[in-house]
Amino acid sequence: MKQITVITLFVLIAGTQAFAQLSPEKALSTYNKVKGQYDALVTKWKPIKDQAIANSGTLSPELKASVEKVDGDVNSFGNKLNSFSSASVADQAAMASTLKSDFSTLKSSVGDVSKQVSKLELPKM
């Protein structure tokens, strides 16, 4: 009886892991889609960041910290995307399974900080 329970548990775990993994084609498709969205986000983020840096003396300490954190998050996500092509197929599938949600979180953070910076009366660069 104990062996049947162990075998059943093993089959359930193995089945769940196989189901959770994306196919290599789906992982690459997800990567390409998110990479394109990330590139567009960086294009929008760079002028906001440059404006904040150029006018850092007028930013509140909280906003400065937010800009620095978001910039670090943008760079970190870029590094994650850059490491995708050199990862194993299994690692690519694992990475791809979180890319969309991670990007969504990043996009939201960039949007929030961009709105705060844009509200300020700063000279345009």
PDB file of N, CA and C in Angstrom:
ATOM      1  N   MET A   1       0.828  -1.190   0.000  1.00  0.00           N
ATOM      2  CA  MET A   1       0.000   0.000   0.000  1.00  0.00           C
ATOM      3  C   MET A   1       0.873   1.255   0.000  1.00  0.00           C
ATOM      4  N   LYS A   2       1.935   1.195   0.802  1.00  0.00           N
ATOM      5  CA  LYS A   2       2.830   2.353   0.887  1.00  0.00           C
ATOM      6  C   LYS A   2       3.501   2.614  -0.451  1.00  0.00           C
ATOM      7  N   GLN A   3       3.867   1.534  -1.167  1.00  0.00           N
ATOM      8  CA  GLN A   3       4.522   1.689  -2.460  1.00  0.00           C
ATOM      9  C   GLN A   3       3.586   2.310  -3.484  1.00  0.00           C
ATOM     10  N   ILE A   4       2.337   1.966  -3.432  1.00  0.00           N
ATOM     11  CA  ILE A   4       1.369   2.535  -4.376  1.00  0.00           C
ATOM     12  C   ILE A   4       1.226   4.029  -4.129  1.00  0.00           C
ATOM     13  N   THR A   5       1.203   4.448  -2.883  1.00  0.00           N
ATOM     14  CA  THR A   5       1.089   5.865  -2.553  1.00  0.00           C
ATOM     15  C   THR A   5       2.307   6.628  -3.049  1.00  0.00           C
ATOM     16  N   VAL A   6       3.489   6.080  -2.847  1.00  0.00           N
ATOM     17  CA  VAL A   6       4.718   6.725  -3.286  1.00  0.00           C
ATOM     18  C   VAL A   6       4.745   6.813  -4.806  1.00  0.00           C
ATOM     19  N   ILE A   7       4.369   5.753  -5.471  1.00  0.00           N
ATOM     20  CA  ILE A   7       4.363   5.754  -6.936  1.00  0.00           C
ATOM     21  C   ILE A   7       3.339   6.762  -7.461  1.00  0.00           C
ATOM     22  N   THR A   8       2.172   6.786  -6.861  1.00  0.00           N
ATOM     23  CA  THR A   8       1.139   7.736  -7.266  1.00  0.00           C
ATOM     24  C   THR A   8       1.615   9.168  -7.080  1.00  0.00           C
ATOM     25  N   LEU A   9       2.241   9.430  -5.957  1.00  0.00           N
ATOM     26  CA  LEU A   9       2.768  10.766  -5.681  1.00  0.00           C
ATOM     27  C   LEU A   9       3.827  11.145  -6.708  1.00  0.00           C
ATOM     28  N   PHE A  10       4.711  10.214  -7.033  1.00  0.00           N
ATOM     29  CA  PHE A  10       5.751  10.470  -8.018  1.00  0.00           C
ATOM     30  C   PHE A  10       5.150  10.786  -9.384  1.00  0.00           C
ATOM     31  N   VAL A  11       4.158  10.027  -9.806  1.00  0.00           N
ATOM     32  CA  VAL A  11       3.516  10.249 -11.098  1.00  0.00           C
ATOM     33  C   VAL A  11       2.821  11.606 -11.122  1.00  0.00           C
ATOM     34  N   LEU A  12       2.161  11.973 -10.036  1.00  0.00           N
ATOM     35  CA  LEU A  12       1.502  13.268  -9.968  1.00  0.00           C
ATOM     36  C   LEU A  12       2.497  14.415 -10.059  1.00  0.00           C
ATOM     37  N   ILE A  13       3.593  14.327  -9.343  1.00  0.00           N
ATOM     38  CA  ILE A  13       4.613  15.381  -9.369  1.00  0.00           C
ATOM     39  C   ILE A  13       5.243  15.477 -10.751  1.00  0.00           C
ATOM     40  N   ALA A  14       5.604  14.342 -11.334  1.00  0.00           N
ATOM     41  CA  ALA A  14       6.218  14.344 -12.666  1.00  0.00           C
ATOM     42  C   ALA A  14       5.247  14.892 -13.701  1.00  0.00           C
ATOM     43  N   GLY A  15       3.999  14.532 -13.604  1.00  0.00           N
ATOM     44  CA  GLY A  15       2.984  15.033 -14.533  1.00  0.00           C
ATOM     45  C   GLY A  15       2.782  16.520 -14.394  1.00  0.00           C
ATOM     46  N   THR A  16       2.786  17.021 -13.183  1.00  0.00           N
ATOM     47  CA  THR A  16       2.620  18.448 -12.933  1.00  0.00           C
ATOM     48  C   THR A  16       3.802  19.226 -13.485  1.00  0.00           C
ATOM     49  N   GLN A  17       5.000  18.725 -13.281  1.00  0.00           N
ATOM     50  CA  GLN A  17       6.184  19.418 -13.785  1.00  0.00           C
ATOM     51  C   GLN A  17       6.205  19.431 -15.309  1.00  0.00           C
ATOM     52  N   ALA A  18       5.824  18.340 -15.931  1.00  0.00           N
ATOM     53  CA  ALA A  18       5.804  18.291 -17.388  1.00  0.00           C
ATOM     54  C   ALA A  18       4.751  19.250 -17.932  1.00  0.00           C
ATOM     55  N   PHE A  19       3.628  19.345 -17.262  1.00  0.00           N
ATOM     56  CA  PHE A  19       2.568  20.238 -17.702  1.00  0.00           C
ATOM     57  C   PHE A  19       2.986  21.696 -17.543  1.00  0.00           C
ATOM     58  N   ALA A  20       3.735  22.013 -16.484  1.00  0.00           N
ATOM     59  CA  ALA A  20       4.127  23.392 -16.203  1.00  0.00           C
ATOM     60  C   ALA A  20       5.194  23.900 -17.171  1.00  0.00           C
ATOM     61  N   GLN A  21       5.955  23.003 -17.765  1.00  0.00           N
ATOM     62  CA  GLN A  21       7.015  23.409 -18.679  1.00  0.00           C
ATOM     63  C   GLN A  21       6.422  23.797 -20.039  1.00  0.00           C
ATOM     64  N   LEU A  22       6.920  24.887 -20.597  1.00  0.00           N
ATOM     65  CA  LEU A  22       6.504  25.300 -21.930  1.00  0.00           C
ATOM     66  C   LEU A  22       7.327  24.555 -22.963  1.00  0.00           C
ATOM     67  N   SER A  23       6.768  24.364 -24.124  1.00  0.00           N
ATOM     68  CA  SER A  23       7.538  23.775 -25.211  1.00  0.00           C
ATOM     69  C   SER A  23       8.611  24.780 -25.633  1.00  0.00           C
ATOM     70  N   PRO A  24       9.688  24.306 -26.236  1.00  0.00           N
ATOM     71  CA  PRO A  24      10.733  25.241 -26.686  1.00  0.00           C
ATOM     72  C   PRO A  24      10.202  26.299 -27.654  1.00  0.00           C
ATOM     73  N   GLU A  25       9.277  25.916 -28.517  1.00  0.00           N
ATOM     74  CA  GLU A  25       8.708  26.872 -29.471  1.00  0.00           C
ATOM     75  C   GLU A  25       7.899  27.938 -28.744  1.00  0.00           C
ATOM     76  N   LYS A  26       7.101  27.519 -27.783  1.00  0.00           N
ATOM     77  CA  LYS A  26       6.275  28.459 -27.021  1.00  0.00           C
ATOM     78  C   LYS A  26       7.167  29.367 -26.173  1.00  0.00           C
ATOM     79  N   ALA A  27       8.226  28.811 -25.593  1.00  0.00           N
ATOM     80  CA  ALA A  27       9.152  29.609 -24.783  1.00  0.00           C
ATOM     81  C   ALA A  27       9.809  30.688 -25.642  1.00  0.00           C
ATOM     82  N   LEU A  28      10.238  30.318 -26.856  1.00  0.00           N
ATOM     83  CA  LEU A  28      10.879  31.278 -27.754  1.00  0.00           C
ATOM     84  C   LEU A  28       9.883  32.341 -28.213  1.00  0.00           C
ATOM     85  N   SER A  29       8.665  31.924 -28.481  1.00  0.00           N
ATOM     86  CA  SER A  29       7.629  32.873 -28.884  1.00  0.00           C
ATOM     87  C   SER A  29       7.346  33.881 -27.768  1.00  0.00           C
ATOM     88  N   THR A  30       7.244  33.379 -26.555  1.00  0.00           N
ATOM     89  CA  THR A  30       7.019  34.256 -25.403  1.00  0.00           C
ATOM     90  C   THR A  30       8.191  35.215 -25.232  1.00  0.00           C
ATOM     91  N   TYR A  31       9.400  34.693 -25.322  1.00  0.00           N
ATOM     92  CA  TYR A  31      10.602  35.527 -25.199  1.00  0.00           C
ATOM     93  C   TYR A  31      10.591  36.637 -26.249  1.00  0.00           C
ATOM     94  N   ASN A  32      10.344  36.290 -27.507  1.00  0.00           N
ATOM     95  CA  ASN A  32      10.369  37.288 -28.583  1.00  0.00           C
ATOM     96  C   ASN A  32       9.318  38.370 -28.366  1.00  0.00           C
ATOM     97  N   LYS A  33       8.141  37.977 -27.923  1.00  0.00           N
ATOM     98  CA  LYS A  33       7.080  38.950 -27.679  1.00  0.00           C
ATOM     99  C   LYS A  33       7.471  39.892 -26.538  1.00  0.00           C
ATOM    100  N   VAL A  34       7.933  39.327 -25.433  1.00  0.00           N
ATOM    101  CA  VAL A  34       8.301  40.145 -24.274  1.00  0.00           C
ATOM    102  C   VAL A  34       9.525  40.997 -24.583  1.00  0.00           C
ATOM    103  N   LYS A  35      10.467  40.467 -25.341  1.00  0.00           N
ATOM    104  CA  LYS A  35      11.666  41.233 -25.715  1.00  0.00           C
ATOM    105  C   LYS A  35      11.277  42.468 -26.512  1.00  0.00           C
ATOM    106  N   GLY A  36      10.348  42.334 -27.443  1.00  0.00           N
ATOM    107  CA  GLY A  36       9.878  43.476 -28.215  1.00  0.00           C
ATOM    108  C   GLY A  36       9.182  44.510 -27.333  1.00  0.00           C
ATOM    109  N   GLN A  37       8.380  44.036 -26.394  1.00  0.00           N
ATOM    110  CA  GLN A  37       7.703  44.942 -25.475  1.00  0.00           C
ATOM    111  C   GLN A  37       8.713  45.638 -24.567  1.00  0.00           C
ATOM    112  N   TYR A  38       9.720  44.897 -24.131  1.00  0.00           N
ATOM    113  CA  TYR A  38      10.766  45.467 -23.269  1.00  0.00           C
ATOM    114  C   TYR A  38      11.541  46.561 -24.016  1.00  0.00           C
ATOM    115  N   ASP A  39      11.898  46.295 -25.263  1.00  0.00           N
ATOM    116  CA  ASP A  39      12.632  47.290 -26.051  1.00  0.00           C
ATOM    117  C   ASP A  39      11.830  48.577 -26.193  1.00  0.00           C
ATOM    118  N   ALA A  40      10.524  48.446 -26.417  1.00  0.00           N
ATOM    119  CA  ALA A  40       9.654  49.630 -26.517  1.00  0.00           C
ATOM    120  C   ALA A  40       9.584  50.354 -25.177  1.00  0.00           C
ATOM    121  N   LEU A  41       9.530  49.606 -24.091  1.00  0.00           N
ATOM    122  CA  LEU A  41       9.482  50.215 -22.756  1.00  0.00           C
ATOM    123  C   LEU A  41      10.764  50.980 -22.458  1.00  0.00           C
ATOM    124  N   VAL A  42      11.906  50.409 -22.810  1.00  0.00           N
ATOM    125  CA  VAL A  42      13.194  51.082 -22.588  1.00  0.00           C
ATOM    126  C   VAL A  42      13.253  52.381 -23.391  1.00  0.00           C
ATOM    127  N   THR A  43      12.729  52.354 -24.606  1.00  0.00           N
ATOM    128  CA  THR A  43      12.710  53.558 -25.440  1.00  0.00           C
ATOM    129  C   THR A  43      11.897  54.662 -24.770  1.00  0.00           C
ATOM    130  N   LYS A  44      10.809  54.300 -24.114  1.00  0.00           N
ATOM    131  CA  LYS A  44       9.985  55.293 -23.407  1.00  0.00           C
ATOM    132  C   LYS A  44      10.609  55.698 -22.069  1.00  0.00           C
ATOM    133  N   TRP A  45      11.293  54.771 -21.405  1.00  0.00           N
ATOM    134  CA  TRP A  45      11.860  55.020 -20.079  1.00  0.00           C
ATOM    135  C   TRP A  45      13.091  55.922 -20.142  1.00  0.00           C
ATOM    136  N   LYS A  46      13.934  55.742 -21.149  1.00  0.00           N
ATOM    137  CA  LYS A  46      15.207  56.467 -21.201  1.00  0.00           C
ATOM    138  C   LYS A  46      15.039  57.986 -21.108  1.00  0.00           C
ATOM    139  N   PRO A  47      14.144  58.630 -21.867  1.00  0.00           N
ATOM    140  CA  PRO A  47      14.007  60.088 -21.735  1.00  0.00           C
ATOM    141  C   PRO A  47      13.496  60.518 -20.353  1.00  0.00           C
ATOM    142  N   ILE A  48      12.638  59.712 -19.766  1.00  0.00           N
ATOM    143  CA  ILE A  48      12.136  60.029 -18.417  1.00  0.00           C
ATOM    144  C   ILE A  48      13.289  59.955 -17.416  1.00  0.00           C
ATOM    145  N   LYS A  49      14.080  58.906 -17.530  1.00  0.00           N
ATOM    146  CA  LYS A  49      15.236  58.740 -16.637  1.00  0.00           C
ATOM    147  C   LYS A  49      16.229  59.881 -16.834  1.00  0.00           C
ATOM    148  N   ASP A  50      16.518  60.210 -18.079  1.00  0.00           N
ATOM    149  CA  ASP A  50      17.455  61.294 -18.369  1.00  0.00           C
ATOM    150  C   ASP A  50      16.949  62.620 -17.807  1.00  0.00           C
ATOM    151  N   GLN A  51      15.663  62.866 -17.933  1.00  0.00           N
ATOM    152  CA  GLN A  51      15.058  64.085 -17.391  1.00  0.00           C
ATOM    153  C   GLN A  51      15.175  64.106 -15.869  1.00  0.00           C
ATOM    154  N   ALA A  52      14.928  62.986 -15.247  1.00  0.00           N
ATOM    155  CA  ALA A  52      15.034  62.914 -13.787  1.00  0.00           C
ATOM    156  C   ALA A  52      16.478  63.126 -13.324  1.00  0.00           C
ATOM    157  N   ILE A  53      17.429  62.541 -14.045  1.00  0.00           N
ATOM    158  CA  ILE A  53      18.842  62.704 -13.681  1.00  0.00           C
ATOM    159  C   ILE A  53      19.274  64.159 -13.862  1.00  0.00           C
ATOM    160  N   ALA A  54      18.862  64.763 -14.971  1.00  0.00           N
ATOM    161  CA  ALA A  54      19.252  66.145 -15.244  1.00  0.00           C
ATOM    162  C   ALA A  54      18.674  67.114 -14.217  1.00  0.00           C
ATOM    163  N   ASN A  55      17.565  66.754 -13.623  1.00  0.00           N
ATOM    164  CA  ASN A  55      16.903  67.627 -12.659  1.00  0.00           C
ATOM    165  C   ASN A  55      16.850  66.993 -11.272  1.00  0.00           C
ATOM    166  N   SER A  56      17.850  66.203 -10.965  1.00  0.00           N
ATOM    167  CA  SER A  56      17.833  65.457  -9.708  1.00  0.00           C
ATOM    168  C   SER A  56      17.795  66.362  -8.479  1.00  0.00           C
ATOM    169  N   GLY A  57      18.288  67.577  -8.601  1.00  0.00           N
ATOM    170  CA  GLY A  57      18.269  68.495  -7.466  1.00  0.00           C
ATOM    171  C   GLY A  57      16.872  68.930  -7.070  1.00  0.00           C
ATOM    172  N   THR A  58      15.919  68.822  -7.983  1.00  0.00           N
ATOM    173  CA  THR A  58      14.555  69.246  -7.688  1.00  0.00           C
ATOM    174  C   THR A  58      13.641  68.071  -7.326  1.00  0.00           C
ATOM    175  N   LEU A  59      14.159  66.862  -7.400  1.00  0.00           N
ATOM    176  CA  LEU A  59      13.346  65.688  -7.073  1.00  0.00           C
ATOM    177  C   LEU A  59      13.355  65.430  -5.575  1.00  0.00           C
ATOM    178  N   SER A  60      12.253  64.933  -5.076  1.00  0.00           N
ATOM    179  CA  SER A  60      12.206  64.536  -3.670  1.00  0.00           C
ATOM    180  C   SER A  60      13.085  63.301  -3.481  1.00  0.00           C
ATOM    181  N   PRO A  61      13.582  63.086  -2.267  1.00  0.00           N
ATOM    182  CA  PRO A  61      14.394  61.876  -2.032  1.00  0.00           C
ATOM    183  C   PRO A  61      13.637  60.589  -2.360  1.00  0.00           C
ATOM    184  N   GLU A  62      12.331  60.587  -2.109  1.00  0.00           N
ATOM    185  CA  GLU A  62      11.538  59.391  -2.390  1.00  0.00           C
ATOM    186  C   GLU A  62      11.468  59.127  -3.897  1.00  0.00           C
ATOM    187  N   LEU A  63      11.276  60.206  -4.665  1.00  0.00           N
ATOM    188  CA  LEU A  63      11.194  60.039  -6.112  1.00  0.00           C
ATOM    189  C   LEU A  63      12.550  59.654  -6.698  1.00  0.00           C
ATOM    190  N   LYS A  64      13.614  60.235  -6.156  1.00  0.00           N
ATOM    191  CA  LYS A  64      14.961  59.833  -6.601  1.00  0.00           C
ATOM    192  C   LYS A  64      15.162  58.337  -6.378  1.00  0.00           C
ATOM    193  N   ALA A  65      14.781  57.879  -5.184  1.00  0.00           N
ATOM    194  CA  ALA A  65      14.932  56.458  -4.855  1.00  0.00           C
ATOM    195  C   ALA A  65      14.076  55.596  -5.783  1.00  0.00           C
ATOM    196  N   SER A  66      12.877  56.066  -6.093  1.00  0.00           N
ATOM    197  CA  SER A  66      12.000  55.318  -6.995  1.00  0.00           C
ATOM    198  C   SER A  66      12.585  55.226  -8.399  1.00  0.00           C
ATOM    199  N   VAL A  67      13.128  56.338  -8.881  1.00  0.00           N
ATOM    200  CA  VAL A  67      13.741  56.348 -10.216  1.00  0.00           C
ATOM    201  C   VAL A  67      14.921  55.380 -10.244  1.00  0.00           C
ATOM    202  N   GLU A  68      15.763  55.419  -9.212  1.00  0.00           N
ATOM    203  CA  GLU A  68      16.925  54.520  -9.159  1.00  0.00           C
ATOM    204  C   GLU A  68      16.496  53.059  -9.090  1.00  0.00           C
ATOM    205  N   LYS A  69      15.462  52.770  -8.303  1.00  0.00           N
ATOM    206  CA  LYS A  69      14.989  51.387  -8.178  1.00  0.00           C
ATOM    207  C   LYS A  69      14.429  50.893  -9.503  1.00  0.00           C
ATOM    208  N   VAL A  70      13.590  51.698 -10.127  1.00  0.00           N
ATOM    209  CA  VAL A  70      13.003  51.287 -11.399  1.00  0.00           C
ATOM    210  C   VAL A  70      14.083  51.124 -12.457  1.00  0.00           C
ATOM    211  N   ASP A  71      15.060  52.027 -12.485  1.00  0.00           N
ATOM    212  CA  ASP A  71      16.144  51.895 -13.449  1.00  0.00           C
ATOM    213  C   ASP A  71      16.913  50.597 -13.217  1.00  0.00           C
ATOM    214  N   GLY A  72      17.152  50.259 -11.965  1.00  0.00           N
ATOM    215  CA  GLY A  72      17.801  48.991 -11.646  1.00  0.00           C
ATOM    216  C   GLY A  72      16.952  47.802 -12.079  1.00  0.00           C
ATOM    217  N   ASP A  73      15.640  47.902 -11.878  1.00  0.00           N
ATOM    218  CA  ASP A  73      14.734  46.827 -12.294  1.00  0.00           C
ATOM    219  C   ASP A  73      14.728  46.669 -13.819  1.00  0.00           C
ATOM    220  N   VAL A  74      14.744  47.786 -14.530  1.00  0.00           N
ATOM    221  CA  VAL A  74      14.779  47.748 -16.000  1.00  0.00           C
ATOM    222  C   VAL A  74      16.065  47.067 -16.463  1.00  0.00           C
ATOM    223  N   ASN A  75      17.194  47.454 -15.878  1.00  0.00           N
ATOM    224  CA  ASN A  75      18.475  46.845 -16.258  1.00  0.00           C
ATOM    225  C   ASN A  75      18.523  45.365 -15.895  1.00  0.00           C
ATOM    226  N   SER A  76      18.001  45.015 -14.737  1.00  0.00           N
ATOM    227  CA  SER A  76      17.988  43.626 -14.295  1.00  0.00           C
ATOM    228  C   SER A  76      17.144  42.759 -15.232  1.00  0.00           C
ATOM    229  N   PHE A  77      15.989  43.279 -15.629  1.00  0.00           N
ATOM    230  CA  PHE A  77      15.137  42.533 -16.553  1.00  0.00           C
ATOM    231  C   PHE A  77      15.833  42.376 -17.904  1.00  0.00           C
ATOM    232  N   GLY A  78      16.526  43.411 -18.338  1.00  0.00           N
ATOM    233  CA  GLY A  78      17.290  43.324 -19.584  1.00  0.00           C
ATOM    234  C   GLY A  78      18.366  42.253 -19.512  1.00  0.00           C
ATOM    235  N   ASN A  79      19.043  42.169 -18.362  1.00  0.00           N
ATOM    236  CA  ASN A  79      20.054  41.125 -18.174  1.00  0.00           C
ATOM    237  C   ASN A  79      19.430  39.736 -18.219  1.00  0.00           C
ATOM    238  N   LYS A  80      18.234  39.622 -17.634  1.00  0.00           N
ATOM    239  CA  LYS A  80      17.516  38.342 -17.665  1.00  0.00           C
ATOM    240  C   LYS A  80      17.208  37.959 -19.108  1.00  0.00           C
ATOM    241  N   LEU A  81      16.734  38.917 -19.891  1.00  0.00           N
ATOM    242  CA  LEU A  81      16.437  38.638 -21.295  1.00  0.00           C
ATOM    243  C   LEU A  81      17.705  38.280 -22.067  1.00  0.00           C
ATOM    244  N   ASN A  82      18.800  38.965 -21.767  1.00  0.00           N
ATOM    245  CA  ASN A  82      20.069  38.690 -22.454  1.00  0.00           C
ATOM    246  C   ASN A  82      20.595  37.292 -22.152  1.00  0.00           C
ATOM    247  N   SER A  83      20.283  36.776 -20.976  1.00  0.00           N
ATOM    248  CA  SER A  83      20.770  35.445 -20.607  1.00  0.00           C
ATOM    249  C   SER A  83      19.900  34.327 -21.184  1.00  0.00           C
ATOM    250  N   PHE A  84      18.774  34.675 -21.764  1.00  0.00           N
ATOM    251  CA  PHE A  84      17.829  33.670 -22.269  1.00  0.00           C
ATOM    252  C   PHE A  84      18.463  32.782 -23.327  1.00  0.00           C
ATOM    253  N   SER A  85      19.127  33.386 -24.305  1.00  0.00           N
ATOM    254  CA  SER A  85      19.652  32.606 -25.433  1.00  0.00           C
ATOM    255  C   SER A  85      20.748  31.628 -25.035  1.00  0.00           C
ATOM    256  N   SER A  86      21.475  31.911 -23.963  1.00  0.00           N
ATOM    257  CA  SER A  86      22.547  31.000 -23.549  1.00  0.00           C
ATOM    258  C   SER A  86      22.083  29.978 -22.518  1.00  0.00           C
ATOM    259  N   ALA A  87      20.829  30.051 -22.109  1.00  0.00           N
ATOM    260  CA  ALA A  87      20.305  29.109 -21.111  1.00  0.00           C
ATOM    261  C   ALA A  87      19.929  27.788 -21.782  1.00  0.00           C
ATOM    262  N   SER A  88      19.864  26.753 -20.972  1.00  0.00           N
ATOM    263  CA  SER A  88      19.429  25.448 -21.489  1.00  0.00           C
ATOM    264  C   SER A  88      17.950  25.529 -21.864  1.00  0.00           C
ATOM    265  N   VAL A  89      17.491  24.573 -22.629  1.00  0.00           N
ATOM    266  CA  VAL A  89      16.095  24.557 -23.060  1.00  0.00           C
ATOM    267  C   VAL A  89      15.169  24.506 -21.842  1.00  0.00           C
ATOM    268  N   ALA A  90      15.522  23.711 -20.847  1.00  0.00           N
ATOM    269  CA  ALA A  90      14.698  23.626 -19.632  1.00  0.00           C
ATOM    270  C   ALA A  90      14.676  24.964 -18.900  1.00  0.00           C
ATOM    271  N   ASP A  91      15.837  25.615 -18.815  1.00  0.00           N
ATOM    272  CA  ASP A  91      15.899  26.920 -18.156  1.00  0.00           C
ATOM    273  C   ASP A  91      15.136  27.980 -18.951  1.00  0.00           C
ATOM    274  N   GLN A  92      15.195  27.892 -20.265  1.00  0.00           N
ATOM    275  CA  GLN A  92      14.431  28.823 -21.096  1.00  0.00           C
ATOM    276  C   GLN A  92      12.935  28.667 -20.847  1.00  0.00           C
ATOM    277  N   ALA A  93      12.489  27.427 -20.745  1.00  0.00           N
ATOM    278  CA  ALA A  93      11.068  27.180 -20.478  1.00  0.00           C
ATOM    279  C   ALA A  93      10.673  27.744 -19.120  1.00  0.00           C
ATOM    280  N   ALA A  94      11.537  27.549 -18.135  1.00  0.00           N
ATOM    281  CA  ALA A  94      11.253  28.076 -16.797  1.00  0.00           C
ATOM    282  C   ALA A  94      11.243  29.601 -16.805  1.00  0.00           C
ATOM    283  N   MET A  95      12.202  30.197 -17.499  1.00  0.00           N
ATOM    284  CA  MET A  95      12.259  31.658 -17.581  1.00  0.00           C
ATOM    285  C   MET A  95      11.030  32.203 -18.307  1.00  0.00           C
ATOM    286  N   ALA A  96      10.678  31.573 -19.412  1.00  0.00           N
ATOM    287  CA  ALA A  96       9.561  32.054 -20.221  1.00  0.00           C
ATOM    288  C   ALA A  96       8.249  31.993 -19.454  1.00  0.00           C
ATOM    289  N   SER A  97       8.142  31.055 -18.531  1.00  0.00           N
ATOM    290  CA  SER A  97       6.889  30.923 -17.788  1.00  0.00           C
ATOM    291  C   SER A  97       6.629  32.109 -16.868  1.00  0.00           C
ATOM    292  N   THR A  98       7.675  32.881 -16.551  1.00  0.00           N
ATOM    293  CA  THR A  98       7.488  34.053 -15.683  1.00  0.00           C
ATOM    294  C   THR A  98       7.725  35.379 -16.394  1.00  0.00           C
ATOM    295  N   LEU A  99       8.177  35.339 -17.631  1.00  0.00           N
ATOM    296  CA  LEU A  99       8.516  36.582 -18.335  1.00  0.00           C
ATOM    297  C   LEU A  99       7.336  37.546 -18.437  1.00  0.00           C
ATOM    298  N   LYS A 100       6.168  37.040 -18.792  1.00  0.00           N
ATOM    299  CA  LYS A 100       5.018  37.928 -18.978  1.00  0.00           C
ATOM    300  C   LYS A 100       4.635  38.626 -17.679  1.00  0.00           C
ATOM    301  N   SER A 101       4.560  37.876 -16.595  1.00  0.00           N
ATOM    302  CA  SER A 101       4.162  38.505 -15.329  1.00  0.00           C
ATOM    303  C   SER A 101       5.251  39.431 -14.807  1.00  0.00           C
ATOM    304  N   ASP A 102       6.512  39.041 -14.976  1.00  0.00           N
ATOM    305  CA  ASP A 102       7.612  39.911 -14.551  1.00  0.00           C
ATOM    306  C   ASP A 102       7.613  41.208 -15.360  1.00  0.00           C
ATOM    307  N   PHE A 103       7.369  41.105 -16.658  1.00  0.00           N
ATOM    308  CA  PHE A 103       7.335  42.296 -17.496  1.00  0.00           C
ATOM    309  C   PHE A 103       6.150  43.183 -17.126  1.00  0.00           C
ATOM    310  N   SER A 104       5.035  42.576 -16.842  1.00  0.00           N
ATOM    311  CA  SER A 104       3.848  43.345 -16.463  1.00  0.00           C
ATOM    312  C   SER A 104       4.115  44.163 -15.197  1.00  0.00           C
ATOM    313  N   THR A 105       4.779  43.552 -14.236  1.00  0.00           N
ATOM    314  CA  THR A 105       5.143  44.250 -12.996  1.00  0.00           C
ATOM    315  C   THR A 105       6.108  45.398 -13.292  1.00  0.00           C
ATOM    316  N   LEU A 106       7.100  45.130 -14.124  1.00  0.00           N
ATOM    317  CA  LEU A 106       8.076  46.158 -14.505  1.00  0.00           C
ATOM    318  C   LEU A 106       7.394  47.312 -15.231  1.00  0.00           C
ATOM    319  N   LYS A 107       6.527  46.996 -16.158  1.00  0.00           N
ATOM    320  CA  LYS A 107       5.824  48.026 -16.921  1.00  0.00           C
ATOM    321  C   LYS A 107       4.992  48.918 -16.002  1.00  0.00           C
ATOM    322  N   SER A 108       4.359  48.320 -15.035  1.00  0.00           N
ATOM    323  CA  SER A 108       3.560  49.079 -14.072  1.00  0.00           C
ATOM    324  C   SER A 108       4.443  50.016 -13.254  1.00  0.00           C
ATOM    325  N   SER A 109       5.580  49.517 -12.794  1.00  0.00           N
ATOM    326  CA  SER A 109       6.510  50.339 -12.015  1.00  0.00           C
ATOM    327  C   SER A 109       7.042  51.506 -12.836  1.00  0.00           C
ATOM    328  N   VAL A 110       7.429  51.228 -14.069  1.00  0.00           N
ATOM    329  CA  VAL A 110       7.930  52.283 -14.950  1.00  0.00           C
ATOM    330  C   VAL A 110       6.838  53.320 -15.184  1.00  0.00           C
ATOM    331  N   GLY A 111       5.618  52.866 -15.405  1.00  0.00           N
ATOM    332  CA  GLY A 111       4.509  53.778 -15.630  1.00  0.00           C
ATOM    333  C   GLY A 111       4.243  54.677 -14.432  1.00  0.00           C
ATOM    334  N   ASP A 112       4.278  54.089 -13.231  1.00  0.00           N
ATOM    335  CA  ASP A 112       4.037  54.873 -12.015  1.00  0.00           C
ATOM    336  C   ASP A 112       5.092  55.961 -11.830  1.00  0.00           C
ATOM    337  N   VAL A 113       6.357  55.592 -11.974  1.00  0.00           N
ATOM    338  CA  VAL A 113       7.439  56.559 -11.782  1.00  0.00           C
ATOM    339  C   VAL A 113       7.432  57.593 -12.908  1.00  0.00           C
ATOM    340  N   SER A 114       7.151  57.164 -14.122  1.00  0.00           N
ATOM    341  CA  SER A 114       7.092  58.100 -15.249  1.00  0.00           C
ATOM    342  C   SER A 114       6.014  59.154 -15.022  1.00  0.00           C
ATOM    343  N   LYS A 115       4.877  58.750 -14.515  1.00  0.00           N
ATOM    344  CA  LYS A 115       3.802  59.704 -14.223  1.00  0.00           C
ATOM    345  C   LYS A 115       4.241  60.711 -13.169  1.00  0.00           C
ATOM    346  N   GLN A 116       4.935  60.228 -12.126  1.00  0.00           N
ATOM    347  CA  GLN A 116       5.391  61.130 -11.068  1.00  0.00           C
ATOM    348  C   GLN A 116       6.398  62.144 -11.611  1.00  0.00           C
ATOM    349  N   VAL A 117       7.328  61.678 -12.430  1.00  0.00           N
ATOM    350  CA  VAL A 117       8.340  62.574 -13.002  1.00  0.00           C
ATOM    351  C   VAL A 117       7.674  63.551 -13.972  1.00  0.00           C
ATOM    352  N   SER A 118       6.746  63.063 -14.779  1.00  0.00           N
ATOM    353  CA  SER A 118       6.069  63.914 -15.764  1.00  0.00           C
ATOM    354  C   SER A 118       5.225  64.998 -15.117  1.00  0.00           C
ATOM    355  N   LYS A 119       4.705  64.763 -13.930  1.00  0.00           N
ATOM    356  CA  LYS A 119       3.884  65.750 -13.221  1.00  0.00           C
ATOM    357  C   LYS A 119       4.692  66.934 -12.735  1.00  0.00           C
ATOM    358  N   LEU A 120       5.990  66.720 -12.567  1.00  0.00           N
ATOM    359  CA  LEU A 120       6.840  67.783 -12.054  1.00  0.00           C
ATOM    360  C   LEU A 120       7.060  68.866 -13.120  1.00  0.00           C
ATOM    361  N   GLU A 121       7.245  70.057 -12.669  1.00  0.00           N
ATOM    362  CA  GLU A 121       7.546  71.164 -13.579  1.00  0.00           C
ATOM    363  C   GLU A 121       9.036  71.205 -13.814  1.00  0.00           C
ATOM    364  N   LEU A 122       9.499  70.325 -14.705  1.00  0.00           N
ATOM    365  CA  LEU A 122      10.923  70.244 -15.004  1.00  0.00           C
ATOM    366  C   LEU A 122      11.163  70.722 -16.437  1.00  0.00           C
ATOM    367  N   PRO A 123      12.311  71.334 -16.663  1.00  0.00           N
ATOM    368  CA  PRO A 123      12.626  71.706 -18.046  1.00  0.00           C
ATOM    369  C   PRO A 123      12.783  70.451 -18.899  1.00  0.00           C
ATOM    370  N   LYS A 124      12.294  70.496 -20.121  1.00  0.00           N
ATOM    371  CA  LYS A 124      12.413  69.363 -21.031  1.00  0.00           C
ATOM    372  C   LYS A 124      13.844  69.254 -21.529  1.00  0.00           C
ATOM    373  N   MET A 125      14.267  68.028 -21.763  1.00  0.00           N
ATOM    374  CA  MET A 125      15.626  67.797 -22.254  1.00  0.00           C
ATOM    375  C   MET A 125      15.632  67.803 -23.756  1.00  0.00           C
TER     376      MET A 125
END
